Amino acid sequence: MSVLDELTQILAQRKAGDPEASYVASLHAKGLNKILEKVGEEATEVILAAKDAQDNASGKEEVVKETADLWFHTMVMLSELNLTPQQVLDELAKRLGISGHDEKASR
């Protein structure tokens, strides 16, 4: 089982859990807007970490940590919307071998 699969299962279990005992359950209890707020915060933190890492080799570790936070909160968002990471992976797979310009023009 991949880390992604394992985390997907854990998030599904915690979605309906006790908000007092589970961070994931507390996000779901607060609703989509709070989850989206967290995704936005984490995206900003990734950007800032990457900007700092450009001039600081040790800052690359921070980029990895912040990206992990962003992916985690994005997975919580998908869970709230009853979507799966596999659906995102399937979409990415469909795009393999297609020019980014061509893919964007098709939307």
PDB file of N, CA and C in Angstrom:
ATOM      1  N   MET A   1       0.847  -1.170   0.000  1.00  0.00           N
ATOM      2  CA  MET A   1       0.000   0.000   0.000  1.00  0.00           C
ATOM      3  C   MET A   1       0.900   1.244   0.000  1.00  0.00           C
ATOM      4  N   SER A   2       0.563   2.191  -0.843  1.00  0.00           N
ATOM      5  CA  SER A   2       1.357   3.411  -0.928  1.00  0.00           C
ATOM      6  C   SER A   2       1.013   4.353   0.225  1.00  0.00           C
ATOM      7  N   VAL A   3       1.875   5.299   0.474  1.00  0.00           N
ATOM      8  CA  VAL A   3       1.617   6.311   1.489  1.00  0.00           C
ATOM      9  C   VAL A   3       0.326   7.054   1.156  1.00  0.00           C
ATOM     10  N   LEU A   4       0.126   7.341  -0.118  1.00  0.00           N
ATOM     11  CA  LEU A   4      -1.077   8.040  -0.553  1.00  0.00           C
ATOM     12  C   LEU A   4      -2.330   7.225  -0.237  1.00  0.00           C
ATOM     13  N   ASP A   5      -2.294   5.937  -0.527  1.00  0.00           N
ATOM     14  CA  ASP A   5      -3.437   5.066  -0.227  1.00  0.00           C
ATOM     15  C   ASP A   5      -3.690   4.985   1.280  1.00  0.00           C
ATOM     16  N   GLU A   6      -2.620   4.838   2.040  1.00  0.00           N
ATOM     17  CA  GLU A   6      -2.765   4.732   3.496  1.00  0.00           C
ATOM     18  C   GLU A   6      -3.338   6.024   4.075  1.00  0.00           C
ATOM     19  N   LEU A   7      -2.826   7.161   3.617  1.00  0.00           N
ATOM     20  CA  LEU A   7      -3.338   8.436   4.119  1.00  0.00           C
ATOM     21  C   LEU A   7      -4.792   8.641   3.717  1.00  0.00           C
ATOM     22  N   THR A   8      -5.161   8.220   2.512  1.00  0.00           N
ATOM     23  CA  THR A   8      -6.552   8.322   2.068  1.00  0.00           C
ATOM     24  C   THR A   8      -7.470   7.546   3.013  1.00  0.00           C
ATOM     25  N   GLN A   9      -7.054   6.350   3.392  1.00  0.00           N
ATOM     26  CA  GLN A   9      -7.851   5.541   4.312  1.00  0.00           C
ATOM     27  C   GLN A   9      -7.968   6.185   5.690  1.00  0.00           C
ATOM     28  N   ILE A  10      -6.863   6.710   6.181  1.00  0.00           N
ATOM     29  CA  ILE A  10      -6.870   7.363   7.490  1.00  0.00           C
ATOM     30  C   ILE A  10      -7.793   8.579   7.471  1.00  0.00           C
ATOM     31  N   LEU A  11      -7.707   9.382   6.411  1.00  0.00           N
ATOM     32  CA  LEU A  11      -8.563  10.567   6.311  1.00  0.00           C
ATOM     33  C   LEU A  11     -10.038  10.174   6.273  1.00  0.00           C
ATOM     34  N   ALA A  12     -10.361   9.107   5.562  1.00  0.00           N
ATOM     35  CA  ALA A  12     -11.755   8.648   5.490  1.00  0.00           C
ATOM     36  C   ALA A  12     -12.249   8.224   6.869  1.00  0.00           C
ATOM     37  N   GLN A  13     -11.407   7.554   7.611  1.00  0.00           N
ATOM     38  CA  GLN A  13     -11.792   7.112   8.953  1.00  0.00           C
ATOM     39  C   GLN A  13     -12.000   8.294   9.890  1.00  0.00           C
ATOM     40  N   ARG A  14     -11.138   9.265   9.790  1.00  0.00           N
ATOM     41  CA  ARG A  14     -11.192  10.403  10.721  1.00  0.00           C
ATOM     42  C   ARG A  14     -12.237  11.440  10.331  1.00  0.00           C
ATOM     43  N   LYS A  15     -12.690  11.401   9.097  1.00  0.00           N
ATOM     44  CA  LYS A  15     -13.674  12.381   8.617  1.00  0.00           C
ATOM     45  C   LYS A  15     -14.893  12.437   9.530  1.00  0.00           C
ATOM     46  N   ALA A  16     -15.351  11.290   9.969  1.00  0.00           N
ATOM     47  CA  ALA A  16     -16.551  11.222  10.813  1.00  0.00           C
ATOM     48  C   ALA A  16     -16.212  11.089  12.296  1.00  0.00           C
ATOM     49  N   GLY A  17     -14.948  11.334  12.620  1.00  0.00           N
ATOM     50  CA  GLY A  17     -14.531  11.175  14.006  1.00  0.00           C
ATOM     51  C   GLY A  17     -14.926  12.337  14.892  1.00  0.00           C
ATOM     52  N   ASP A  18     -14.444  12.282  16.104  1.00  0.00           N
ATOM     53  CA  ASP A  18     -14.717  13.307  17.112  1.00  0.00           C
ATOM     54  C   ASP A  18     -13.846  14.526  16.839  1.00  0.00           C
ATOM     55  N   PRO A  19     -14.454  15.686  16.565  1.00  0.00           N
ATOM     56  CA  PRO A  19     -13.675  16.900  16.295  1.00  0.00           C
ATOM     57  C   PRO A  19     -12.770  17.314  17.461  1.00  0.00           C
ATOM     58  N   GLU A  20     -13.108  16.883  18.668  1.00  0.00           N
ATOM     59  CA  GLU A  20     -12.261  17.201  19.825  1.00  0.00           C
ATOM     60  C   GLU A  20     -11.006  16.332  19.849  1.00  0.00           C
ATOM     61  N   ALA A  21     -11.067  15.177  19.205  1.00  0.00           N
ATOM     62  CA  ALA A  21      -9.959  14.221  19.253  1.00  0.00           C
ATOM     63  C   ALA A  21      -9.162  14.154  17.966  1.00  0.00           C
ATOM     64  N   SER A  22      -9.689  14.707  16.877  1.00  0.00           N
ATOM     65  CA  SER A  22      -9.046  14.563  15.573  1.00  0.00           C
ATOM     66  C   SER A  22      -9.002  15.900  14.840  1.00  0.00           C
ATOM     67  N   TYR A  23      -7.808  16.287  14.424  1.00  0.00           N
ATOM     68  CA  TYR A  23      -7.646  17.515  13.646  1.00  0.00           C
ATOM     69  C   TYR A  23      -8.442  17.430  12.348  1.00  0.00           C
ATOM     70  N   VAL A  24      -8.379  16.283  11.669  1.00  0.00           N
ATOM     71  CA  VAL A  24      -9.106  16.091  10.411  1.00  0.00           C
ATOM     72  C   VAL A  24     -10.604  16.232  10.649  1.00  0.00           C
ATOM     73  N   ALA A  25     -11.121  15.579  11.674  1.00  0.00           N
ATOM     74  CA  ALA A  25     -12.553  15.684  11.993  1.00  0.00           C
ATOM     75  C   ALA A  25     -12.929  17.126  12.318  1.00  0.00           C
ATOM     76  N   SER A  26     -12.037  17.848  12.993  1.00  0.00           N
ATOM     77  CA  SER A  26     -12.341  19.243  13.330  1.00  0.00           C
ATOM     78  C   SER A  26     -12.418  20.102  12.071  1.00  0.00           C
ATOM     79  N   LEU A  27     -11.580  19.832  11.090  1.00  0.00           N
ATOM     80  CA  LEU A  27     -11.664  20.571   9.823  1.00  0.00           C
ATOM     81  C   LEU A  27     -12.983  20.270   9.121  1.00  0.00           C
ATOM     82  N   HIS A  28     -13.344  18.998   9.042  1.00  0.00           N
ATOM     83  CA  HIS A  28     -14.609  18.629   8.396  1.00  0.00           C
ATOM     84  C   HIS A  28     -15.797  19.252   9.131  1.00  0.00           C
ATOM     85  N   ALA A  29     -15.729  19.291  10.456  1.00  0.00           N
ATOM     86  CA  ALA A  29     -16.827  19.866  11.241  1.00  0.00           C
ATOM     87  C   ALA A  29     -16.989  21.360  10.960  1.00  0.00           C
ATOM     88  N   LYS A  30     -15.885  22.021  10.654  1.00  0.00           N
ATOM     89  CA  LYS A  30     -15.932  23.462  10.371  1.00  0.00           C
ATOM     90  C   LYS A  30     -16.386  23.754   8.944  1.00  0.00           C
ATOM     91  N   GLY A  31     -16.321  22.733   8.072  1.00  0.00           N
ATOM     92  CA  GLY A  31     -16.848  22.871   6.724  1.00  0.00           C
ATOM     93  C   GLY A  31     -15.826  23.233   5.662  1.00  0.00           C
ATOM     94  N   LEU A  32     -16.328  23.246   4.437  1.00  0.00           N
ATOM     95  CA  LEU A  32     -15.469  23.438   3.269  1.00  0.00           C
ATOM     96  C   LEU A  32     -14.715  24.759   3.300  1.00  0.00           C
ATOM     97  N   ASN A  33     -15.360  25.841   3.716  1.00  0.00           N
ATOM     98  CA  ASN A  33     -14.667  27.133   3.707  1.00  0.00           C
ATOM     99  C   ASN A  33     -13.418  27.118   4.581  1.00  0.00           C
ATOM    100  N   LYS A  34     -13.489  26.498   5.749  1.00  0.00           N
ATOM    101  CA  LYS A  34     -12.320  26.411   6.626  1.00  0.00           C
ATOM    102  C   LYS A  34     -11.238  25.550   5.985  1.00  0.00           C
ATOM    103  N   ILE A  35     -11.640  24.459   5.359  1.00  0.00           N
ATOM    104  CA  ILE A  35     -10.668  23.589   4.694  1.00  0.00           C
ATOM    105  C   ILE A  35      -9.985  24.348   3.558  1.00  0.00           C
ATOM    106  N   LEU A  36     -10.752  25.083   2.779  1.00  0.00           N
ATOM    107  CA  LEU A  36     -10.182  25.867   1.681  1.00  0.00           C
ATOM    108  C   LEU A  36      -9.246  26.956   2.207  1.00  0.00           C
ATOM    109  N   GLU A  37      -9.591  27.536   3.329  1.00  0.00           N
ATOM    110  CA  GLU A  37      -8.722  28.529   3.963  1.00  0.00           C
ATOM    111  C   GLU A  37      -7.364  27.901   4.288  1.00  0.00           C
ATOM    112  N   LYS A  38      -7.399  26.682   4.831  1.00  0.00           N
ATOM    113  CA  LYS A  38      -6.148  25.981   5.154  1.00  0.00           C
ATOM    114  C   LYS A  38      -5.359  25.660   3.893  1.00  0.00           C
ATOM    115  N   VAL A  39      -6.026  25.247   2.826  1.00  0.00           N
ATOM    116  CA  VAL A  39      -5.324  24.970   1.567  1.00  0.00           C
ATOM    117  C   VAL A  39      -4.641  26.246   1.080  1.00  0.00           C
ATOM    118  N   GLY A  40      -5.359  27.358   1.140  1.00  0.00           N
ATOM    119  CA  GLY A  40      -4.781  28.633   0.718  1.00  0.00           C
ATOM    120  C   GLY A  40      -3.586  29.042   1.565  1.00  0.00           C
ATOM    121  N   GLU A  41      -3.694  28.880   2.873  1.00  0.00           N
ATOM    122  CA  GLU A  41      -2.581  29.203   3.774  1.00  0.00           C
ATOM    123  C   GLU A  41      -1.360  28.361   3.433  1.00  0.00           C
ATOM    124  N   GLU A  42      -1.595  27.075   3.243  1.00  0.00           N
ATOM    125  CA  GLU A  42      -0.470  26.175   2.952  1.00  0.00           C
ATOM    126  C   GLU A  42       0.160  26.482   1.598  1.00  0.00           C
ATOM    127  N   ALA A  43      -0.663  26.839   0.617  1.00  0.00           N
ATOM    128  CA  ALA A  43      -0.125  27.200  -0.707  1.00  0.00           C
ATOM    129  C   ALA A  43       0.777  28.423  -0.591  1.00  0.00           C
ATOM    130  N   THR A  44       0.350  29.394   0.193  1.00  0.00           N
ATOM    131  CA  THR A  44       1.164  30.592   0.407  1.00  0.00           C
ATOM    132  C   THR A  44       2.476  30.238   1.099  1.00  0.00           C
ATOM    133  N   GLU A  45       2.417  29.347   2.077  1.00  0.00           N
ATOM    134  CA  GLU A  45       3.628  28.936   2.782  1.00  0.00           C
ATOM    135  C   GLU A  45       4.593  28.198   1.854  1.00  0.00           C
ATOM    136  N   VAL A  46       4.068  27.416   0.914  1.00  0.00           N
ATOM    137  CA  VAL A  46       4.934  26.749  -0.072  1.00  0.00           C
ATOM    138  C   VAL A  46       5.642  27.797  -0.926  1.00  0.00           C
ATOM    139  N   ILE A  47       4.897  28.774  -1.378  1.00  0.00           N
ATOM    140  CA  ILE A  47       5.470  29.825  -2.224  1.00  0.00           C
ATOM    141  C   ILE A  47       6.574  30.569  -1.483  1.00  0.00           C
ATOM    142  N   LEU A  48       6.307  30.945  -0.254  1.00  0.00           N
ATOM    143  CA  LEU A  48       7.314  31.673   0.524  1.00  0.00           C
ATOM    144  C   LEU A  48       8.542  30.812   0.792  1.00  0.00           C
ATOM    145  N   ALA A  49       8.332  29.558   1.115  1.00  0.00           N
ATOM    146  CA  ALA A  49       9.465  28.655   1.362  1.00  0.00           C
ATOM    147  C   ALA A  49      10.292  28.470   0.097  1.00  0.00           C
ATOM    148  N   ALA A  50       9.630  28.332  -1.034  1.00  0.00           N
ATOM    149  CA  ALA A  50      10.358  28.147  -2.295  1.00  0.00           C
ATOM    150  C   ALA A  50      11.154  29.395  -2.648  1.00  0.00           C
ATOM    151  N   LYS A  51      10.578  30.548  -2.416  1.00  0.00           N
ATOM    152  CA  LYS A  51      11.292  31.795  -2.685  1.00  0.00           C
ATOM    153  C   LYS A  51      12.546  31.878  -1.826  1.00  0.00           C
ATOM    154  N   ASP A  52      12.426  31.522  -0.557  1.00  0.00           N
ATOM    155  CA  ASP A  52      13.584  31.531   0.335  1.00  0.00           C
ATOM    156  C   ASP A  52      14.604  30.467  -0.056  1.00  0.00           C
ATOM    157  N   ALA A  53      14.142  29.335  -0.549  1.00  0.00           N
ATOM    158  CA  ALA A  53      15.039  28.228  -0.891  1.00  0.00           C
ATOM    159  C   ALA A  53      15.891  28.547  -2.108  1.00  0.00           C
ATOM    160  N   GLN A  54      15.423  29.449  -2.930  1.00  0.00           N
ATOM    161  CA  GLN A  54      16.175  29.799  -4.141  1.00  0.00           C
ATOM    162  C   GLN A  54      17.568  30.312  -3.774  1.00  0.00           C
ATOM    163  N   ASP A  55      17.654  31.034  -2.695  1.00  0.00           N
ATOM    164  CA  ASP A  55      18.929  31.604  -2.278  1.00  0.00           C
ATOM    165  C   ASP A  55      19.537  30.900  -1.072  1.00  0.00           C
ATOM    166  N   ASN A  56      18.908  29.792  -0.644  1.00  0.00           N
ATOM    167  CA  ASN A  56      19.334  29.130   0.579  1.00  0.00           C
ATOM    168  C   ASN A  56      19.134  27.627   0.425  1.00  0.00           C
ATOM    169  N   ALA A  57      20.221  26.903   0.224  1.00  0.00           N
ATOM    170  CA  ALA A  57      20.122  25.463  -0.015  1.00  0.00           C
ATOM    171  C   ALA A  57      19.439  24.734   1.129  1.00  0.00           C
ATOM    172  N   SER A  58      19.650  25.144   2.363  1.00  0.00           N
ATOM    173  CA  SER A  58      19.014  24.464   3.492  1.00  0.00           C
ATOM    174  C   SER A  58      17.513  24.732   3.529  1.00  0.00           C
ATOM    175  N   GLY A  59      17.060  25.746   2.811  1.00  0.00           N
ATOM    176  CA  GLY A  59      15.641  26.052   2.756  1.00  0.00           C
ATOM    177  C   GLY A  59      14.841  25.052   1.950  1.00  0.00           C
ATOM    178  N   LYS A  60      15.502  24.206   1.189  1.00  0.00           N
ATOM    179  CA  LYS A  60      14.788  23.211   0.379  1.00  0.00           C
ATOM    180  C   LYS A  60      14.054  22.206   1.252  1.00  0.00           C
ATOM    181  N   GLU A  61      14.590  21.909   2.413  1.00  0.00           N
ATOM    182  CA  GLU A  61      13.904  21.003   3.347  1.00  0.00           C
ATOM    183  C   GLU A  61      12.577  21.614   3.781  1.00  0.00           C
ATOM    184  N   GLU A  62      12.563  22.927   3.977  1.00  0.00           N
ATOM    185  CA  GLU A  62      11.330  23.619   4.357  1.00  0.00           C
ATOM    186  C   GLU A  62      10.303  23.544   3.230  1.00  0.00           C
ATOM    187  N   VAL A  63      10.761  23.608   1.983  1.00  0.00           N
ATOM    188  CA  VAL A  63       9.848  23.479   0.839  1.00  0.00           C
ATOM    189  C   VAL A  63       9.171  22.111   0.872  1.00  0.00           C
ATOM    190  N   VAL A  64       9.941  21.081   1.151  1.00  0.00           N
ATOM    191  CA  VAL A  64       9.386  19.727   1.221  1.00  0.00           C
ATOM    192  C   VAL A  64       8.339  19.637   2.336  1.00  0.00           C
ATOM    193  N   LYS A  65       8.645  20.174   3.488  1.00  0.00           N
ATOM    194  CA  LYS A  65       7.706  20.124   4.618  1.00  0.00           C
ATOM    195  C   LYS A  65       6.426  20.895   4.314  1.00  0.00           C
ATOM    196  N   GLU A  66       6.573  22.083   3.743  1.00  0.00           N
ATOM    197  CA  GLU A  66       5.393  22.893   3.432  1.00  0.00           C
ATOM    198  C   GLU A  66       4.568  22.257   2.312  1.00  0.00           C
ATOM    199  N   THR A  67       5.229  21.628   1.361  1.00  0.00           N
ATOM    200  CA  THR A  67       4.507  20.935   0.289  1.00  0.00           C
ATOM    201  C   THR A  67       3.734  19.748   0.863  1.00  0.00           C
ATOM    202  N   ALA A  68       4.321  19.054   1.816  1.00  0.00           N
ATOM    203  CA  ALA A  68       3.602  17.955   2.477  1.00  0.00           C
ATOM    204  C   ALA A  68       2.348  18.484   3.172  1.00  0.00           C
ATOM    205  N   ASP A  69       2.460  19.639   3.829  1.00  0.00           N
ATOM    206  CA  ASP A  69       1.289  20.247   4.467  1.00  0.00           C
ATOM    207  C   ASP A  69       0.226  20.592   3.428  1.00  0.00           C
ATOM    208  N   LEU A  70       0.649  21.146   2.301  1.00  0.00           N
ATOM    209  CA  LEU A  70      -0.293  21.508   1.238  1.00  0.00           C
ATOM    210  C   LEU A  70      -0.985  20.271   0.682  1.00  0.00           C
ATOM    211  N   TRP A  71      -0.224  19.230   0.404  1.00  0.00           N
ATOM    212  CA  TRP A  71      -0.825  18.006  -0.122  1.00  0.00           C
ATOM    213  C   TRP A  71      -1.812  17.418   0.879  1.00  0.00           C
ATOM    214  N   PHE A  72      -1.439  17.412   2.161  1.00  0.00           N
ATOM    215  CA  PHE A  72      -2.321  16.880   3.195  1.00  0.00           C
ATOM    216  C   PHE A  72      -3.647  17.633   3.210  1.00  0.00           C
ATOM    217  N   HIS A  73      -3.584  18.939   3.269  1.00  0.00           N
ATOM    218  CA  HIS A  73      -4.817  19.727   3.340  1.00  0.00           C
ATOM    219  C   HIS A  73      -5.614  19.639   2.037  1.00  0.00           C
ATOM    220  N   THR A  74      -4.927  19.461   0.916  1.00  0.00           N
ATOM    221  CA  THR A  74      -5.624  19.243  -0.356  1.00  0.00           C
ATOM    222  C   THR A  74      -6.359  17.911  -0.317  1.00  0.00           C
ATOM    223  N   MET A  75      -5.761  16.914   0.298  1.00  0.00           N
ATOM    224  CA  MET A  75      -6.432  15.617   0.430  1.00  0.00           C
ATOM    225  C   MET A  75      -7.646  15.723   1.347  1.00  0.00           C
ATOM    226  N   VAL A  76      -7.561  16.536   2.393  1.00  0.00           N
ATOM    227  CA  VAL A  76      -8.725  16.759   3.256  1.00  0.00           C
ATOM    228  C   VAL A  76      -9.835  17.421   2.436  1.00  0.00           C
ATOM    229  N   MET A  77      -9.469  18.382   1.594  1.00  0.00           N
ATOM    230  CA  MET A  77     -10.449  19.048   0.727  1.00  0.00           C
ATOM    231  C   MET A  77     -11.127  18.036  -0.201  1.00  0.00           C
ATOM    232  N   LEU A  78     -10.319  17.176  -0.826  1.00  0.00           N
ATOM    233  CA  LEU A  78     -10.892  16.153  -1.703  1.00  0.00           C
ATOM    234  C   LEU A  78     -11.858  15.270  -0.929  1.00  0.00           C
ATOM    235  N   SER A  79     -11.476  14.884   0.272  1.00  0.00           N
ATOM    236  CA  SER A  79     -12.328  14.046   1.108  1.00  0.00           C
ATOM    237  C   SER A  79     -13.649  14.748   1.414  1.00  0.00           C
ATOM    238  N   GLU A  80     -13.588  16.025   1.746  1.00  0.00           N
ATOM    239  CA  GLU A  80     -14.803  16.785   2.037  1.00  0.00           C
ATOM    240  C   GLU A  80     -15.739  16.804   0.840  1.00  0.00           C
ATOM    241  N   LEU A  81     -15.158  16.825  -0.365  1.00  0.00           N
ATOM    242  CA  LEU A  81     -15.947  16.863  -1.602  1.00  0.00           C
ATOM    243  C   LEU A  81     -16.275  15.473  -2.141  1.00  0.00           C
ATOM    244  N   ASN A  82     -15.944  14.438  -1.345  1.00  0.00           N
ATOM    245  CA  ASN A  82     -16.160  13.041  -1.745  1.00  0.00           C
ATOM    246  C   ASN A  82     -15.452  12.710  -3.061  1.00  0.00           C
ATOM    247  N   LEU A  83     -14.245  13.246  -3.184  1.00  0.00           N
ATOM    248  CA  LEU A  83     -13.360  12.928  -4.302  1.00  0.00           C
ATOM    249  C   LEU A  83     -12.160  12.182  -3.740  1.00  0.00           C
ATOM    250  N   THR A  84     -11.396  11.555  -4.623  1.00  0.00           N
ATOM    251  CA  THR A  84     -10.241  10.793  -4.171  1.00  0.00           C
ATOM    252  C   THR A  84      -8.965  11.273  -4.852  1.00  0.00           C
ATOM    253  N   PRO A  85      -7.838  11.064  -4.199  1.00  0.00           N
ATOM    254  CA  PRO A  85      -6.568  11.365  -4.849  1.00  0.00           C
ATOM    255  C   PRO A  85      -6.395  10.560  -6.141  1.00  0.00           C
ATOM    256  N   GLN A  86      -6.975   9.365  -6.182  1.00  0.00           N
ATOM    257  CA  GLN A  86      -6.858   8.552  -7.388  1.00  0.00           C
ATOM    258  C   GLN A  86      -7.487   9.251  -8.583  1.00  0.00           C
ATOM    259  N   GLN A  87      -8.561   9.973  -8.355  1.00  0.00           N
ATOM    260  CA  GLN A  87      -9.185  10.712  -9.452  1.00  0.00           C
ATOM    261  C   GLN A  87      -8.233  11.783  -9.994  1.00  0.00           C
ATOM    262  N   VAL A  88      -7.487  12.407  -9.112  1.00  0.00           N
ATOM    263  CA  VAL A  88      -6.501  13.401  -9.541  1.00  0.00           C
ATOM    264  C   VAL A  88      -5.369  12.709 -10.297  1.00  0.00           C
ATOM    265  N   LEU A  89      -4.899  11.581  -9.771  1.00  0.00           N
ATOM    266  CA  LEU A  89      -3.841  10.832 -10.452  1.00  0.00           C
ATOM    267  C   LEU A  89      -4.299  10.360 -11.832  1.00  0.00           C
ATOM    268  N   ASP A  90      -5.543   9.928 -11.926  1.00  0.00           N
ATOM    269  CA  ASP A  90      -6.076   9.500 -13.226  1.00  0.00           C
ATOM    270  C   ASP A  90      -6.089  10.657 -14.217  1.00  0.00           C
ATOM    271  N   GLU A  91      -6.451  11.844 -13.741  1.00  0.00           N
ATOM    272  CA  GLU A  91      -6.452  13.030 -14.605  1.00  0.00           C
ATOM    273  C   GLU A  91      -5.034  13.356 -15.065  1.00  0.00           C
ATOM    274  N   LEU A  92      -4.085  13.273 -14.148  1.00  0.00           N
ATOM    275  CA  LEU A  92      -2.685  13.516 -14.521  1.00  0.00           C
ATOM    276  C   LEU A  92      -2.210  12.486 -15.544  1.00  0.00           C
ATOM    277  N   ALA A  93      -2.605  11.233 -15.359  1.00  0.00           N
ATOM    278  CA  ALA A  93      -2.216  10.177 -16.295  1.00  0.00           C
ATOM    279  C   ALA A  93      -2.748  10.459 -17.694  1.00  0.00           C
ATOM    280  N   LYS A  94      -3.969  10.992 -17.778  1.00  0.00           N
ATOM    281  CA  LYS A  94      -4.545  11.324 -19.082  1.00  0.00           C
ATOM    282  C   LYS A  94      -3.742  12.411 -19.780  1.00  0.00           C
ATOM    283  N   ARG A  95      -3.090  13.242 -19.005  1.00  0.00           N
ATOM    284  CA  ARG A  95      -2.352  14.376 -19.565  1.00  0.00           C
ATOM    285  C   ARG A  95      -0.925  14.034 -19.967  1.00  0.00           C
ATOM    286  N   LEU A  96      -0.440  12.866 -19.557  1.00  0.00           N
ATOM    287  CA  LEU A  96       0.927  12.477 -19.926  1.00  0.00           C
ATOM    288  C   LEU A  96       1.076  12.457 -21.439  1.00  0.00           C
ATOM    289  N   GLY A  97       2.151  13.036 -21.906  1.00  0.00           N
ATOM    290  CA  GLY A  97       2.413  13.038 -23.336  1.00  0.00           C
ATOM    291  C   GLY A  97       1.690  14.128 -24.104  1.00  0.00           C
ATOM    292  N   ILE A  98       0.931  14.965 -23.383  1.00  0.00           N
ATOM    293  CA  ILE A  98       0.226  16.071 -24.029  1.00  0.00           C
ATOM    294  C   ILE A  98       0.954  17.352 -23.655  1.00  0.00           C
ATOM    295  N   SER A  99       1.226  18.166 -24.643  1.00  0.00           N
ATOM    296  CA  SER A  99       1.866  19.450 -24.394  1.00  0.00           C
ATOM    297  C   SER A  99       1.019  20.255 -23.422  1.00  0.00           C
ATOM    298  N   GLY A 100       1.680  20.931 -22.491  1.00  0.00           N
ATOM    299  CA  GLY A 100       0.965  21.785 -21.556  1.00  0.00           C
ATOM    300  C   GLY A 100       0.163  22.860 -22.261  1.00  0.00           C
ATOM    301  N   HIS A 101       0.707  23.388 -23.355  1.00  0.00           N
ATOM    302  CA  HIS A 101      -0.016  24.400 -24.132  1.00  0.00           C
ATOM    303  C   HIS A 101      -1.272  23.805 -24.755  1.00  0.00           C
ATOM    304  N   ASP A 102      -1.145  22.586 -25.290  1.00  0.00           N
ATOM    305  CA  ASP A 102      -2.290  21.933 -25.910  1.00  0.00           C
ATOM    306  C   ASP A 102      -3.348  21.579 -24.866  1.00  0.00           C
ATOM    307  N   GLU A 103      -2.923  21.080 -23.718  1.00  0.00           N
ATOM    308  CA  GLU A 103      -3.881  20.715 -22.664  1.00  0.00           C
ATOM    309  C   GLU A 103      -4.634  21.946 -22.191  1.00  0.00           C
ATOM    310  N   LYS A 104      -3.930  23.041 -21.984  1.00  0.00           N
ATOM    311  CA  LYS A 104      -4.588  24.262 -21.514  1.00  0.00           C
ATOM    312  C   LYS A 104      -5.565  24.792 -22.557  1.00  0.00           C
ATOM    313  N   ALA A 105      -5.201  24.710 -23.827  1.00  0.00           N
ATOM    314  CA  ALA A 105      -6.065  25.195 -24.907  1.00  0.00           C
ATOM    315  C   ALA A 105      -7.332  24.348 -25.019  1.00  0.00           C
ATOM    316  N   SER A 106      -7.277  23.087 -24.585  1.00  0.00           N
ATOM    317  CA  SER A 106      -8.442  22.210 -24.693  1.00  0.00           C
ATOM    318  C   SER A 106      -9.496  22.488 -23.629  1.00  0.00           C
ATOM    319  N   ARG A 107      -9.137  23.269 -22.618  1.00  0.00           N
ATOM    320  CA  ARG A 107     -10.100  23.559 -21.531  1.00  0.00           C
ATOM    321  C   ARG A 107     -10.993  24.714 -21.877  1.00  0.00           C
TER     322      ARG A 107
END
